Amino acid sequence: MMDANTHTTVRTYTDGDRKLPFTRGFVTVVVSTIALIVMCLIFAPSAVSTGGLKGSLPFAAIIAIVGLGQMLVVQQGGFDLSLAGGVSLAVVITTHIPAGDNAALLPAIFFAIGCAIAAGALNGFLVGFMRLNAVVATIGVNALLYGVVFAVSGGVPKITTPLMAQIAGGKTAGIPNSVLFTLVILLIVSFVLKKTVVGRKFEIIGANPQAAHAAGLRVRLYEGMAYVFAQLHYCIAGILISGITREPTAFQGDALLLPSVAVVVLAGTSLLGGRGFPISTVIAAFFLNQLSQFALAVGVPFSAQTIIQALALVFGIGVYSIRLKDYKTKKSHQSNMEETDND
């Protein structure tokens, strides 16, 4: 049986008896990243220098983490606009509650995780069980989260704790710890989605919720849990930001909403739901962050970064739209062939 995203596979390469499937989204984002690196080497070598990469990789890791969270929601055909509030709340909790005291950091992290689960459960209840529009519901939850942000911080930034700076901002074997955290999360998400029964059910529900419901799958539960796990991703990203940035603001999540959607679209995840592509999403996060570094290196003002991210999103949607059109054309052709055979 063909699911809603089978059209994303562009070619299957064989190596002996092994089959190596590549999606168009994966090929697109890898080729685009390689082309961008070549452009950086020619026009802006500082953007790909050792120092430049060490400074930018932690932020690419943050985009990758929130992108993976957003991907889970998009797989269920929704959007999570409460990302900004979720990230910002985790930032202010892990900076304001400890107030520089390392001993108070762990309880603050647990409190941030608890808030993330509560926010995700509220989103899941409103969208998955009450059947409210995802955009409207998550905007409302985002406003609620920012209310808590102001209650905790008063809108004033606070210096991070030394322990958090060491954990999130430090390095292991020369690799930023934030990158290592991202790789671990990527492995977990990839394994659960692609190698477990729960993950396969999750993708089936996203591809065709009506058919999944008819088959007896708990559609509303899976749709609701997507928002819970997405908020946990945002929480982890916020906790890492509180250590990477010495004095993070109370609005740190605002700049991550557009990139989170852009990397999901660039990775090839269908906006209609279905299959997700974790590895492609992480590569797309590196691409988007490196694109920003390249723009800064060639003199594009920082204020234009949002425009660059928007253009990347438009590019991804364009590729997706072409793919969907090709898929519909194939389906129409197959239907016509079947009708001819029946005649």
C-alpha atoms as a PDB file:
ATOM      1  CA  MET A   1       0.000   0.000   0.000  1.00  0.00           C
ATOM      2  CA  MET A   2       1.321   3.409  -0.920  1.00  0.00           C
ATOM      3  CA  ASP A   3       1.383   6.080   1.794  1.00  0.00           C
ATOM      4  CA  ALA A   4       1.032   9.818   1.274  1.00  0.00           C
ATOM      5  CA  ASN A   5       4.767  10.389   1.122  1.00  0.00           C
ATOM      6  CA  THR A   6       5.943   7.552  -1.117  1.00  0.00           C
ATOM      7  CA  HIS A   7       6.417  10.177  -3.815  1.00  0.00           C
ATOM      8  CA  THR A   8       9.356  11.629  -1.860  1.00  0.00           C
ATOM      9  CA  THR A   9      11.617   8.760  -2.946  1.00  0.00           C
ATOM     10  CA  VAL A  10      13.396   9.838  -6.108  1.00  0.00           C
ATOM     11  CA  ARG A  11      15.647   6.833  -6.738  1.00  0.00           C
ATOM     12  CA  THR A  12      16.885   3.631  -5.180  1.00  0.00           C
ATOM     13  CA  TYR A  13      20.565   2.873  -5.625  1.00  0.00           C
ATOM     14  CA  THR A  14      21.720  -0.715  -5.301  1.00  0.00           C
ATOM     15  CA  ASP A  15      25.063  -1.803  -3.876  1.00  0.00           C
ATOM     16  CA  GLY A  16      25.204  -5.570  -4.267  1.00  0.00           C
ATOM     17  CA  ASP A  17      22.186  -6.839  -2.378  1.00  0.00           C
ATOM     18  CA  ARG A  18      21.742  -3.632  -0.376  1.00  0.00           C
ATOM     19  CA  LYS A  19      19.262  -0.947  -1.298  1.00  0.00           C
ATOM     20  CA  LEU A  20      20.026   2.629  -0.404  1.00  0.00           C
ATOM     21  CA  PRO A  21      16.916   4.787  -0.686  1.00  0.00           C
ATOM     22  CA  PHE A  22      17.402   8.550  -0.962  1.00  0.00           C
ATOM     23  CA  THR A  23      14.573  11.019  -0.735  1.00  0.00           C
ATOM     24  CA  ARG A  24      14.441  14.122  -2.843  1.00  0.00           C
ATOM     25  CA  GLY A  25      14.528  16.215   0.318  1.00  0.00           C
ATOM     26  CA  PHE A  26      17.738  14.520   1.464  1.00  0.00           C
ATOM     27  CA  VAL A  27      19.404  14.917  -1.927  1.00  0.00           C
ATOM     28  CA  THR A  28      18.284  18.550  -2.176  1.00  0.00           C
ATOM     29  CA  VAL A  29      19.547  19.571   1.247  1.00  0.00           C
ATOM     30  CA  VAL A  30      22.869  17.702   0.901  1.00  0.00           C
ATOM     31  CA  VAL A  31      23.600  19.150  -2.538  1.00  0.00           C
ATOM     32  CA  SER A  32      22.580  22.626  -1.337  1.00  0.00           C
ATOM     33  CA  THR A  33      24.850  22.329   1.703  1.00  0.00           C
ATOM     34  CA  ILE A  34      27.829  21.227  -0.384  1.00  0.00           C
ATOM     35  CA  ALA A  35      27.224  24.076  -2.839  1.00  0.00           C
ATOM     36  CA  LEU A  36      27.001  26.538   0.059  1.00  0.00           C
ATOM     37  CA  ILE A  37      30.282  25.315   1.552  1.00  0.00           C
ATOM     38  CA  VAL A  38      31.981  25.743  -1.833  1.00  0.00           C
ATOM     39  CA  MET A  39      30.608  29.294  -2.077  1.00  0.00           C
ATOM     40  CA  CYS A  40      31.882  30.009   1.434  1.00  0.00           C
ATOM     41  CA  LEU A  41      35.358  28.735   0.524  1.00  0.00           C
ATOM     42  CA  ILE A  42      35.437  31.019  -2.515  1.00  0.00           C
ATOM     43  CA  PHE A  43      33.744  34.200  -1.288  1.00  0.00           C
ATOM     44  CA  ALA A  44      33.801  34.042   2.524  1.00  0.00           C
ATOM     45  CA  PRO A  45      36.473  31.661   3.873  1.00  0.00           C
ATOM     46  CA  SER A  46      36.010  32.995   7.406  1.00  0.00           C
ATOM     47  CA  ALA A  47      32.516  31.460   7.493  1.00  0.00           C
ATOM     48  CA  VAL A  48      33.978  27.938   7.239  1.00  0.00           C
ATOM     49  CA  SER A  49      37.189  28.497   9.171  1.00  0.00           C
ATOM     50  CA  THR A  50      37.822  26.447  12.305  1.00  0.00           C
ATOM     51  CA  GLY A  51      37.052  29.401  14.531  1.00  0.00           C
ATOM     52  CA  GLY A  52      33.953  30.317  12.570  1.00  0.00           C
ATOM     53  CA  LEU A  53      32.543  26.785  12.715  1.00  0.00           C
ATOM     54  CA  LYS A  54      33.251  26.428  16.428  1.00  0.00           C
ATOM     55  CA  GLY A  55      31.317  29.623  17.049  1.00  0.00           C
ATOM     56  CA  SER A  56      28.357  28.770  14.806  1.00  0.00           C
ATOM     57  CA  LEU A  57      27.898  25.026  15.347  1.00  0.00           C
ATOM     58  CA  PRO A  58      26.249  25.392  18.803  1.00  0.00           C
ATOM     59  CA  PHE A  59      23.541  27.585  17.277  1.00  0.00           C
ATOM     60  CA  ALA A  60      23.085  25.173  14.378  1.00  0.00           C
ATOM     61  CA  ALA A  61      22.611  22.466  17.005  1.00  0.00           C
ATOM     62  CA  ILE A  62      19.867  24.501  18.678  1.00  0.00           C
ATOM     63  CA  ILE A  63      18.059  24.963  15.354  1.00  0.00           C
ATOM     64  CA  ALA A  64      18.359  21.217  14.731  1.00  0.00           C
ATOM     65  CA  ILE A  65      16.801  20.342  18.103  1.00  0.00           C
ATOM     66  CA  VAL A  66      13.806  22.666  17.729  1.00  0.00           C
ATOM     67  CA  GLY A  67      13.514  21.528  14.097  1.00  0.00           C
ATOM     68  CA  LEU A  68      13.217  17.901  15.211  1.00  0.00           C
ATOM     69  CA  GLY A  69      10.503  18.918  17.658  1.00  0.00           C
ATOM     70  CA  GLN A  70       8.598  20.850  15.011  1.00  0.00           C
ATOM     71  CA  MET A  71       8.995  17.906  12.630  1.00  0.00           C
ATOM     72  CA  LEU A  72       7.023  15.658  14.970  1.00  0.00           C
ATOM     73  CA  VAL A  73       4.093  18.075  14.890  1.00  0.00           C
ATOM     74  CA  VAL A  74       4.274  18.628  11.132  1.00  0.00           C
ATOM     75  CA  GLN A  75       4.206  14.859  10.667  1.00  0.00           C
ATOM     76  CA  GLN A  76       0.715  14.966  12.168  1.00  0.00           C
ATOM     77  CA  GLY A  77      -0.316  17.720   9.760  1.00  0.00           C
ATOM     78  CA  GLY A  78      -0.011  20.569  12.291  1.00  0.00           C
ATOM     79  CA  PHE A  79       2.206  23.492  13.257  1.00  0.00           C
ATOM     80  CA  ASP A  80       3.419  24.367  16.733  1.00  0.00           C
ATOM     81  CA  LEU A  81       3.583  28.141  17.161  1.00  0.00           C
ATOM     82  CA  SER A  82       4.139  27.795  20.916  1.00  0.00           C
ATOM     83  CA  LEU A  83       7.793  26.983  20.224  1.00  0.00           C
ATOM     84  CA  ALA A  84       8.954  30.514  21.037  1.00  0.00           C
ATOM     85  CA  GLY A  85       7.266  30.532  24.426  1.00  0.00           C
ATOM     86  CA  GLY A  86       8.466  27.002  25.234  1.00  0.00           C
ATOM     87  CA  VAL A  87      12.109  27.814  24.501  1.00  0.00           C
ATOM     88  CA  SER A  88      11.977  31.170  26.300  1.00  0.00           C
ATOM     89  CA  LEU A  89      10.357  29.656  29.389  1.00  0.00           C
ATOM     90  CA  ALA A  90      13.078  27.002  29.654  1.00  0.00           C
ATOM     91  CA  VAL A  91      15.716  29.737  29.330  1.00  0.00           C
ATOM     92  CA  VAL A  92      14.332  31.963  32.093  1.00  0.00           C
ATOM     93  CA  ILE A  93      13.634  29.037  34.447  1.00  0.00           C
ATOM     94  CA  THR A  94      17.208  27.742  34.202  1.00  0.00           C
ATOM     95  CA  THR A  95      18.728  31.191  34.636  1.00  0.00           C
ATOM     96  CA  HIS A  96      16.424  33.074  37.043  1.00  0.00           C
ATOM     97  CA  ILE A  97      15.485  30.314  39.490  1.00  0.00           C
ATOM     98  CA  PRO A  98      19.093  29.171  40.212  1.00  0.00           C
ATOM     99  CA  ALA A  99      20.259  32.831  40.189  1.00  0.00           C
ATOM    100  CA  GLY A 100      23.861  31.750  39.708  1.00  0.00           C
ATOM    101  CA  ASP A 101      23.713  28.934  42.287  1.00  0.00           C
ATOM    102  CA  ASN A 102      24.907  25.626  40.823  1.00  0.00           C
ATOM    103  CA  ALA A 103      23.146  23.660  43.561  1.00  0.00           C
ATOM    104  CA  ALA A 104      19.759  24.994  42.429  1.00  0.00           C
ATOM    105  CA  LEU A 105      20.338  24.188  38.749  1.00  0.00           C
ATOM    106  CA  LEU A 106      19.080  20.586  38.721  1.00  0.00           C
ATOM    107  CA  PRO A 107      15.731  21.369  40.426  1.00  0.00           C
ATOM    108  CA  ALA A 108      15.281  24.242  37.952  1.00  0.00           C
ATOM    109  CA  ILE A 109      15.880  21.865  35.013  1.00  0.00           C
ATOM    110  CA  PHE A 110      13.297  19.410  36.360  1.00  0.00           C
ATOM    111  CA  PHE A 111      10.844  22.268  36.821  1.00  0.00           C
ATOM    112  CA  ALA A 112      11.460  23.394  33.213  1.00  0.00           C
ATOM    113  CA  ILE A 113      10.828  19.841  31.974  1.00  0.00           C
ATOM    114  CA  GLY A 114       7.616  19.682  33.987  1.00  0.00           C
ATOM    115  CA  CYS A 115       6.419  22.959  32.467  1.00  0.00           C
ATOM    116  CA  ALA A 116       7.255  21.651  28.982  1.00  0.00           C
ATOM    117  CA  ILE A 117       5.221  18.482  29.549  1.00  0.00           C
ATOM    118  CA  ALA A 118       2.290  20.549  30.835  1.00  0.00           C
ATOM    119  CA  ALA A 119       2.435  22.913  27.844  1.00  0.00           C
ATOM    120  CA  GLY A 120       2.689  20.027  25.403  1.00  0.00           C
ATOM    121  CA  ALA A 121      -0.210  18.217  27.093  1.00  0.00           C
ATOM    122  CA  LEU A 122      -2.340  21.365  26.821  1.00  0.00           C
ATOM    123  CA  ASN A 123      -1.503  21.703  23.128  1.00  0.00           C
ATOM    124  CA  GLY A 124      -2.197  18.021  22.602  1.00  0.00           C
ATOM    125  CA  PHE A 125      -5.529  18.205  24.390  1.00  0.00           C
ATOM    126  CA  LEU A 126      -6.671  21.256  22.431  1.00  0.00           C
ATOM    127  CA  VAL A 127      -5.567  19.952  19.034  1.00  0.00           C
ATOM    128  CA  GLY A 128      -5.713  16.171  19.387  1.00  0.00           C
ATOM    129  CA  PHE A 129      -8.831  15.772  21.511  1.00  0.00           C
ATOM    130  CA  MET A 130     -10.780  19.044  21.232  1.00  0.00           C
ATOM    131  CA  ARG A 131      -9.969  19.160  17.484  1.00  0.00           C
ATOM    132  CA  LEU A 132      -9.135  22.871  17.525  1.00  0.00           C
ATOM    133  CA  ASN A 133      -7.115  24.405  14.712  1.00  0.00           C
ATOM    134  CA  ALA A 134      -3.434  23.807  15.500  1.00  0.00           C
ATOM    135  CA  VAL A 135      -2.342  27.336  14.641  1.00  0.00           C
ATOM    136  CA  VAL A 136      -5.005  28.982  16.801  1.00  0.00           C
ATOM    137  CA  ALA A 137      -4.502  26.604  19.731  1.00  0.00           C
ATOM    138  CA  THR A 138      -0.713  26.881  19.813  1.00  0.00           C
ATOM    139  CA  ILE A 139      -0.808  30.686  19.502  1.00  0.00           C
ATOM    140  CA  GLY A 140      -3.001  30.744  22.603  1.00  0.00           C
ATOM    141  CA  VAL A 141      -0.667  28.411  24.489  1.00  0.00           C
ATOM    142  CA  ASN A 142       2.307  30.514  23.376  1.00  0.00           C
ATOM    143  CA  ALA A 143       0.686  33.603  24.916  1.00  0.00           C
ATOM    144  CA  LEU A 144       0.147  31.657  28.128  1.00  0.00           C
ATOM    145  CA  LEU A 145       3.775  30.542  28.185  1.00  0.00           C
ATOM    146  CA  TYR A 146       4.997  34.107  27.713  1.00  0.00           C
ATOM    147  CA  GLY A 147       2.797  35.131  30.633  1.00  0.00           C
ATOM    148  CA  VAL A 148       4.731  32.648  32.782  1.00  0.00           C
ATOM    149  CA  VAL A 149       7.998  33.940  31.285  1.00  0.00           C
ATOM    150  CA  PHE A 150       7.205  37.467  32.478  1.00  0.00           C
ATOM    151  CA  ALA A 151       6.058  36.174  35.856  1.00  0.00           C
ATOM    152  CA  VAL A 152       9.399  34.410  36.377  1.00  0.00           C
ATOM    153  CA  SER A 153      11.761  36.958  34.834  1.00  0.00           C
ATOM    154  CA  GLY A 154       9.965  40.280  34.598  1.00  0.00           C
ATOM    155  CA  GLY A 155      11.428  40.454  31.094  1.00  0.00           C
ATOM    156  CA  VAL A 156      14.930  41.020  32.501  1.00  0.00           C
ATOM    157  CA  PRO A 157      17.892  38.824  31.403  1.00  0.00           C
ATOM    158  CA  LYS A 158      19.974  36.951  33.955  1.00  0.00           C
ATOM    159  CA  ILE A 159      23.511  35.565  33.834  1.00  0.00           C
ATOM    160  CA  THR A 160      23.703  31.787  33.527  1.00  0.00           C
ATOM    161  CA  THR A 161      25.138  29.537  36.210  1.00  0.00           C
ATOM    162  CA  PRO A 162      28.806  28.470  35.859  1.00  0.00           C
ATOM    163  CA  LEU A 163      27.814  24.786  35.777  1.00  0.00           C
ATOM    164  CA  MET A 164      25.314  25.316  32.960  1.00  0.00           C
ATOM    165  CA  ALA A 165      27.892  27.288  31.000  1.00  0.00           C
ATOM    166  CA  GLN A 166      30.344  24.425  31.441  1.00  0.00           C
ATOM    167  CA  ILE A 167      27.861  21.729  30.403  1.00  0.00           C
ATOM    168  CA  ALA A 168      26.149  23.428  27.449  1.00  0.00           C
ATOM    169  CA  GLY A 169      28.904  25.786  26.380  1.00  0.00           C
ATOM    170  CA  GLY A 170      31.832  23.430  26.910  1.00  0.00           C
ATOM    171  CA  LYS A 171      33.501  20.947  24.569  1.00  0.00           C
ATOM    172  CA  THR A 172      34.345  17.257  24.616  1.00  0.00           C
ATOM    173  CA  ALA A 173      37.261  16.107  22.450  1.00  0.00           C
ATOM    174  CA  GLY A 174      37.081  19.462  20.676  1.00  0.00           C
ATOM    175  CA  ILE A 175      33.399  19.059  19.782  1.00  0.00           C
ATOM    176  CA  PRO A 176      30.861  21.479  21.309  1.00  0.00           C
ATOM    177  CA  ASN A 177      28.710  19.662  23.861  1.00  0.00           C
ATOM    178  CA  SER A 178      25.578  21.131  22.277  1.00  0.00           C
ATOM    179  CA  VAL A 179      26.441  19.272  19.063  1.00  0.00           C
ATOM    180  CA  LEU A 180      26.854  16.023  21.016  1.00  0.00           C
ATOM    181  CA  PHE A 181      23.461  16.559  22.662  1.00  0.00           C
ATOM    182  CA  THR A 182      21.951  17.071  19.208  1.00  0.00           C
ATOM    183  CA  LEU A 183      23.488  13.878  17.849  1.00  0.00           C
ATOM    184  CA  VAL A 184      22.130  11.873  20.789  1.00  0.00           C
ATOM    185  CA  ILE A 185      18.647  13.344  20.266  1.00  0.00           C
ATOM    186  CA  LEU A 186      18.893  12.633  16.540  1.00  0.00           C
ATOM    187  CA  LEU A 187      19.771   8.983  17.195  1.00  0.00           C
ATOM    188  CA  ILE A 188      16.867   8.590  19.625  1.00  0.00           C
ATOM    189  CA  VAL A 189      14.310  10.249  17.323  1.00  0.00           C
ATOM    190  CA  SER A 190      15.537   8.308  14.275  1.00  0.00           C
ATOM    191  CA  PHE A 191      15.452   4.995  16.108  1.00  0.00           C
ATOM    192  CA  VAL A 192      11.978   5.517  17.565  1.00  0.00           C
ATOM    193  CA  LEU A 193      10.456   6.739  14.287  1.00  0.00           C
ATOM    194  CA  LYS A 194      12.071   4.236  11.937  1.00  0.00           C
ATOM    195  CA  LYS A 195      12.755   1.124  14.014  1.00  0.00           C
ATOM    196  CA  THR A 196       9.876   0.794  16.474  1.00  0.00           C
ATOM    197  CA  VAL A 197       6.219  -0.154  16.135  1.00  0.00           C
ATOM    198  CA  VAL A 198       5.197   3.063  17.874  1.00  0.00           C
ATOM    199  CA  GLY A 199       7.166   5.133  15.370  1.00  0.00           C
ATOM    200  CA  ARG A 200       5.686   3.360  12.375  1.00  0.00           C
ATOM    201  CA  LYS A 201       2.182   3.823  13.761  1.00  0.00           C
ATOM    202  CA  PHE A 202       2.980   7.499  14.316  1.00  0.00           C
ATOM    203  CA  GLU A 203       3.927   7.954  10.660  1.00  0.00           C
ATOM    204  CA  ILE A 204       0.949   5.946   9.410  1.00  0.00           C
ATOM    205  CA  ILE A 205      -1.428   8.115  11.444  1.00  0.00           C
ATOM    206  CA  GLY A 206       0.160  11.279  10.080  1.00  0.00           C
ATOM    207  CA  ALA A 207      -0.082  10.017   6.503  1.00  0.00           C
ATOM    208  CA  ASN A 208      -3.730   8.950   6.686  1.00  0.00           C
ATOM    209  CA  PRO A 209      -5.512   9.528  10.014  1.00  0.00           C
ATOM    210  CA  GLN A 210      -8.889   8.342   8.680  1.00  0.00           C
ATOM    211  CA  ALA A 211      -7.519   4.995   7.564  1.00  0.00           C
ATOM    212  CA  ALA A 212      -5.507   4.672  10.797  1.00  0.00           C
ATOM    213  CA  HIS A 213      -8.654   5.305  12.849  1.00  0.00           C
ATOM    214  CA  ALA A 214     -10.538   2.697  10.833  1.00  0.00           C
ATOM    215  CA  ALA A 215      -7.704   0.263  11.549  1.00  0.00           C
ATOM    216  CA  GLY A 216      -8.170   0.805  15.284  1.00  0.00           C
ATOM    217  CA  LEU A 217      -5.142   3.030  15.969  1.00  0.00           C
ATOM    218  CA  ARG A 218      -5.444   5.675  18.695  1.00  0.00           C
ATOM    219  CA  VAL A 219      -5.193   8.656  16.382  1.00  0.00           C
ATOM    220  CA  ARG A 220      -6.009  11.393  18.887  1.00  0.00           C
ATOM    221  CA  LEU A 221      -3.509  10.096  21.432  1.00  0.00           C
ATOM    222  CA  TYR A 222      -0.669  10.017  18.896  1.00  0.00           C
ATOM    223  CA  GLU A 223      -1.547  13.480  17.593  1.00  0.00           C
ATOM    224  CA  GLY A 224      -1.630  14.858  21.119  1.00  0.00           C
ATOM    225  CA  MET A 225       1.645  13.228  22.161  1.00  0.00           C
ATOM    226  CA  ALA A 226       3.406  14.836  19.184  1.00  0.00           C
ATOM    227  CA  TYR A 227       2.994  18.201  20.931  1.00  0.00           C
ATOM    228  CA  VAL A 228       4.277  16.843  24.240  1.00  0.00           C
ATOM    229  CA  PHE A 229       7.489  15.511  22.713  1.00  0.00           C
ATOM    230  CA  ALA A 230       7.870  18.670  20.632  1.00  0.00           C
ATOM    231  CA  GLN A 231       7.783  20.778  23.803  1.00  0.00           C
ATOM    232  CA  LEU A 232      10.406  18.541  25.372  1.00  0.00           C
ATOM    233  CA  HIS A 233      12.660  19.315  22.398  1.00  0.00           C
ATOM    234  CA  TYR A 234      12.045  23.041  22.858  1.00  0.00           C
ATOM    235  CA  CYS A 235      12.811  22.706  26.546  1.00  0.00           C
ATOM    236  CA  ILE A 236      16.142  20.986  25.884  1.00  0.00           C
ATOM    237  CA  ALA A 237      17.006  23.706  23.354  1.00  0.00           C
ATOM    238  CA  GLY A 238      16.173  26.415  25.900  1.00  0.00           C
ATOM    239  CA  ILE A 239      18.274  24.755  28.596  1.00  0.00           C
ATOM    240  CA  LEU A 240      21.240  24.558  26.217  1.00  0.00           C
ATOM    241  CA  ILE A 241      20.780  28.194  25.179  1.00  0.00           C
ATOM    242  CA  SER A 242      20.949  29.203  28.844  1.00  0.00           C
ATOM    243  CA  GLY A 243      24.465  27.764  28.932  1.00  0.00           C
ATOM    244  CA  ILE A 244      25.682  28.704  25.474  1.00  0.00           C
ATOM    245  CA  THR A 245      24.692  32.360  25.879  1.00  0.00           C
ATOM    246  CA  ARG A 246      26.175  34.073  28.930  1.00  0.00           C
ATOM    247  CA  GLU A 247      23.199  36.372  29.480  1.00  0.00           C
ATOM    248  CA  PRO A 248      20.221  35.109  27.443  1.00  0.00           C
ATOM    249  CA  THR A 249      17.155  37.294  27.081  1.00  0.00           C
ATOM    250  CA  ALA A 250      13.617  36.389  28.069  1.00  0.00           C
ATOM    251  CA  PHE A 251      12.648  36.283  24.378  1.00  0.00           C
ATOM    252  CA  GLN A 252      15.306  33.882  23.164  1.00  0.00           C
ATOM    253  CA  GLY A 253      12.786  31.630  21.443  1.00  0.00           C
ATOM    254  CA  ASP A 254      11.392  34.285  19.106  1.00  0.00           C
ATOM    255  CA  ALA A 255      14.230  33.879  16.608  1.00  0.00           C
ATOM    256  CA  LEU A 256      13.760  30.087  16.367  1.00  0.00           C
ATOM    257  CA  LEU A 257      10.182  29.725  15.150  1.00  0.00           C
ATOM    258  CA  LEU A 258      10.774  30.493  11.467  1.00  0.00           C
ATOM    259  CA  PRO A 259      14.003  28.436  11.243  1.00  0.00           C
ATOM    260  CA  SER A 260      12.267  25.446  12.850  1.00  0.00           C
ATOM    261  CA  VAL A 261       9.638  25.375  10.124  1.00  0.00           C
ATOM    262  CA  ALA A 262      12.173  26.127   7.391  1.00  0.00           C
ATOM    263  CA  VAL A 263      14.443  23.173   8.226  1.00  0.00           C
ATOM    264  CA  VAL A 264      11.485  20.780   8.396  1.00  0.00           C
ATOM    265  CA  VAL A 265      10.289  21.874   4.954  1.00  0.00           C
ATOM    266  CA  LEU A 266      13.806  21.850   3.488  1.00  0.00           C
ATOM    267  CA  ALA A 267      14.275  18.310   4.801  1.00  0.00           C
ATOM    268  CA  GLY A 268      11.310  17.138   2.740  1.00  0.00           C
ATOM    269  CA  THR A 269       8.764  16.365   5.464  1.00  0.00           C
ATOM    270  CA  SER A 270       5.314  16.628   3.944  1.00  0.00           C
ATOM    271  CA  LEU A 271       3.212  19.535   5.182  1.00  0.00           C
ATOM    272  CA  LEU A 272       0.240  17.187   4.913  1.00  0.00           C
ATOM    273  CA  GLY A 273       1.746  14.825   7.479  1.00  0.00           C
ATOM    274  CA  GLY A 274       3.286  11.374   7.238  1.00  0.00           C
ATOM    275  CA  ARG A 275       6.944  10.441   7.050  1.00  0.00           C
ATOM    276  CA  GLY A 276       9.568  12.526   8.808  1.00  0.00           C
ATOM    277  CA  PHE A 277      13.240  12.810   7.956  1.00  0.00           C
ATOM    278  CA  PRO A 278      15.331  13.447  11.114  1.00  0.00           C
ATOM    279  CA  ILE A 279      18.774  13.247   9.476  1.00  0.00           C
ATOM    280  CA  SER A 280      17.751  15.579   6.672  1.00  0.00           C
ATOM    281  CA  THR A 281      16.305  17.983   9.250  1.00  0.00           C
ATOM    282  CA  VAL A 282      19.618  18.181  11.112  1.00  0.00           C
ATOM    283  CA  ILE A 283      21.539  18.716   7.868  1.00  0.00           C
ATOM    284  CA  ALA A 284      19.047  21.430   6.901  1.00  0.00           C
ATOM    285  CA  ALA A 285      19.669  23.127  10.254  1.00  0.00           C
ATOM    286  CA  PHE A 286      23.392  23.256   9.511  1.00  0.00           C
ATOM    287  CA  PHE A 287      22.642  24.567   6.021  1.00  0.00           C
ATOM    288  CA  LEU A 288      20.360  27.326   7.289  1.00  0.00           C
ATOM    289  CA  ASN A 289      22.777  28.402  10.005  1.00  0.00           C
ATOM    290  CA  GLN A 290      25.708  28.357   7.582  1.00  0.00           C
ATOM    291  CA  LEU A 291      23.676  30.388   5.104  1.00  0.00           C
ATOM    292  CA  SER A 292      23.267  33.057   7.780  1.00  0.00           C
ATOM    293  CA  GLN A 293      27.010  32.983   8.520  1.00  0.00           C
ATOM    294  CA  PHE A 294      27.791  33.331   4.834  1.00  0.00           C
ATOM    295  CA  ALA A 295      25.432  36.289   4.522  1.00  0.00           C
ATOM    296  CA  LEU A 296      27.054  38.029   7.481  1.00  0.00           C
ATOM    297  CA  ALA A 297      30.552  37.343   6.110  1.00  0.00           C
ATOM    298  CA  VAL A 298      29.753  38.983   2.758  1.00  0.00           C
ATOM    299  CA  GLY A 299      28.285  42.046   4.423  1.00  0.00           C
ATOM    300  CA  VAL A 300      24.545  41.376   4.586  1.00  0.00           C
ATOM    301  CA  PRO A 301      23.214  43.124   7.712  1.00  0.00           C
ATOM    302  CA  PHE A 302      22.008  41.003  10.624  1.00  0.00           C
ATOM    303  CA  SER A 303      18.548  42.552  10.284  1.00  0.00           C
ATOM    304  CA  ALA A 304      18.160  40.725   6.957  1.00  0.00           C
ATOM    305  CA  GLN A 305      18.538  37.274   8.539  1.00  0.00           C
ATOM    306  CA  THR A 306      14.777  36.804   8.801  1.00  0.00           C
ATOM    307  CA  ILE A 307      14.431  37.515   5.083  1.00  0.00           C
ATOM    308  CA  ILE A 308      17.080  34.886   4.312  1.00  0.00           C
ATOM    309  CA  GLN A 309      15.288  32.314   6.455  1.00  0.00           C
ATOM    310  CA  ALA A 310      11.984  33.176   4.791  1.00  0.00           C
ATOM    311  CA  LEU A 311      13.537  32.702   1.349  1.00  0.00           C
ATOM    312  CA  ALA A 312      14.873  29.309   2.432  1.00  0.00           C
ATOM    313  CA  LEU A 313      11.362  28.385   3.568  1.00  0.00           C
ATOM    314  CA  VAL A 314       9.874  29.511   0.259  1.00  0.00           C
ATOM    315  CA  PHE A 315      12.494  27.447  -1.581  1.00  0.00           C
ATOM    316  CA  GLY A 316      11.578  24.375   0.444  1.00  0.00           C
ATOM    317  CA  ILE A 317       7.864  24.876  -0.129  1.00  0.00           C
ATOM    318  CA  GLY A 318       8.539  25.296  -3.856  1.00  0.00           C
ATOM    319  CA  VAL A 319      10.418  21.997  -4.014  1.00  0.00           C
ATOM    320  CA  TYR A 320       7.652  20.312  -2.030  1.00  0.00           C
ATOM    321  CA  SER A 321       4.940  21.730  -4.281  1.00  0.00           C
ATOM    322  CA  ILE A 322       6.678  20.454  -7.415  1.00  0.00           C
ATOM    323  CA  ARG A 323       7.026  17.044  -5.792  1.00  0.00           C
ATOM    324  CA  LEU A 324       3.323  16.984  -4.873  1.00  0.00           C
ATOM    325  CA  LYS A 325       2.343  17.967  -8.402  1.00  0.00           C
ATOM    326  CA  ASP A 326       4.501  15.179  -9.837  1.00  0.00           C
ATOM    327  CA  TYR A 327       2.927  12.716  -7.416  1.00  0.00           C
ATOM    328  CA  LYS A 328      -0.608  13.722  -8.359  1.00  0.00           C
ATOM    329  CA  THR A 329       0.278  13.406 -12.042  1.00  0.00           C
ATOM    330  CA  LYS A 330       1.637   9.883 -11.460  1.00  0.00           C
ATOM    331  CA  LYS A 331      -1.457   8.878  -9.531  1.00  0.00           C
ATOM    332  CA  SER A 332      -3.700  10.217 -12.284  1.00  0.00           C
ATOM    333  CA  HIS A 333      -1.686   8.328 -14.904  1.00  0.00           C
ATOM    334  CA  GLN A 334      -1.890   5.112 -12.880  1.00  0.00           C
ATOM    335  CA  SER A 335      -5.658   5.514 -12.498  1.00  0.00           C
ATOM    336  CA  ASN A 336      -6.059   6.006 -16.231  1.00  0.00           C
ATOM    337  CA  MET A 337      -3.961   2.898 -16.937  1.00  0.00           C
ATOM    338  CA  GLU A 338      -6.058   0.855 -14.506  1.00  0.00           C
ATOM    339  CA  GLU A 339      -9.287   2.043 -16.142  1.00  0.00           C
ATOM    340  CA  THR A 340      -7.885   1.110 -19.555  1.00  0.00           C
ATOM    341  CA  ASP A 341      -6.917  -2.366 -18.315  1.00  0.00           C
ATOM    342  CA  ASN A 342     -10.375  -2.881 -16.866  1.00  0.00           C
ATOM    343  CA  ASP A 343     -11.975  -1.952 -20.170  1.00  0.00           C
END
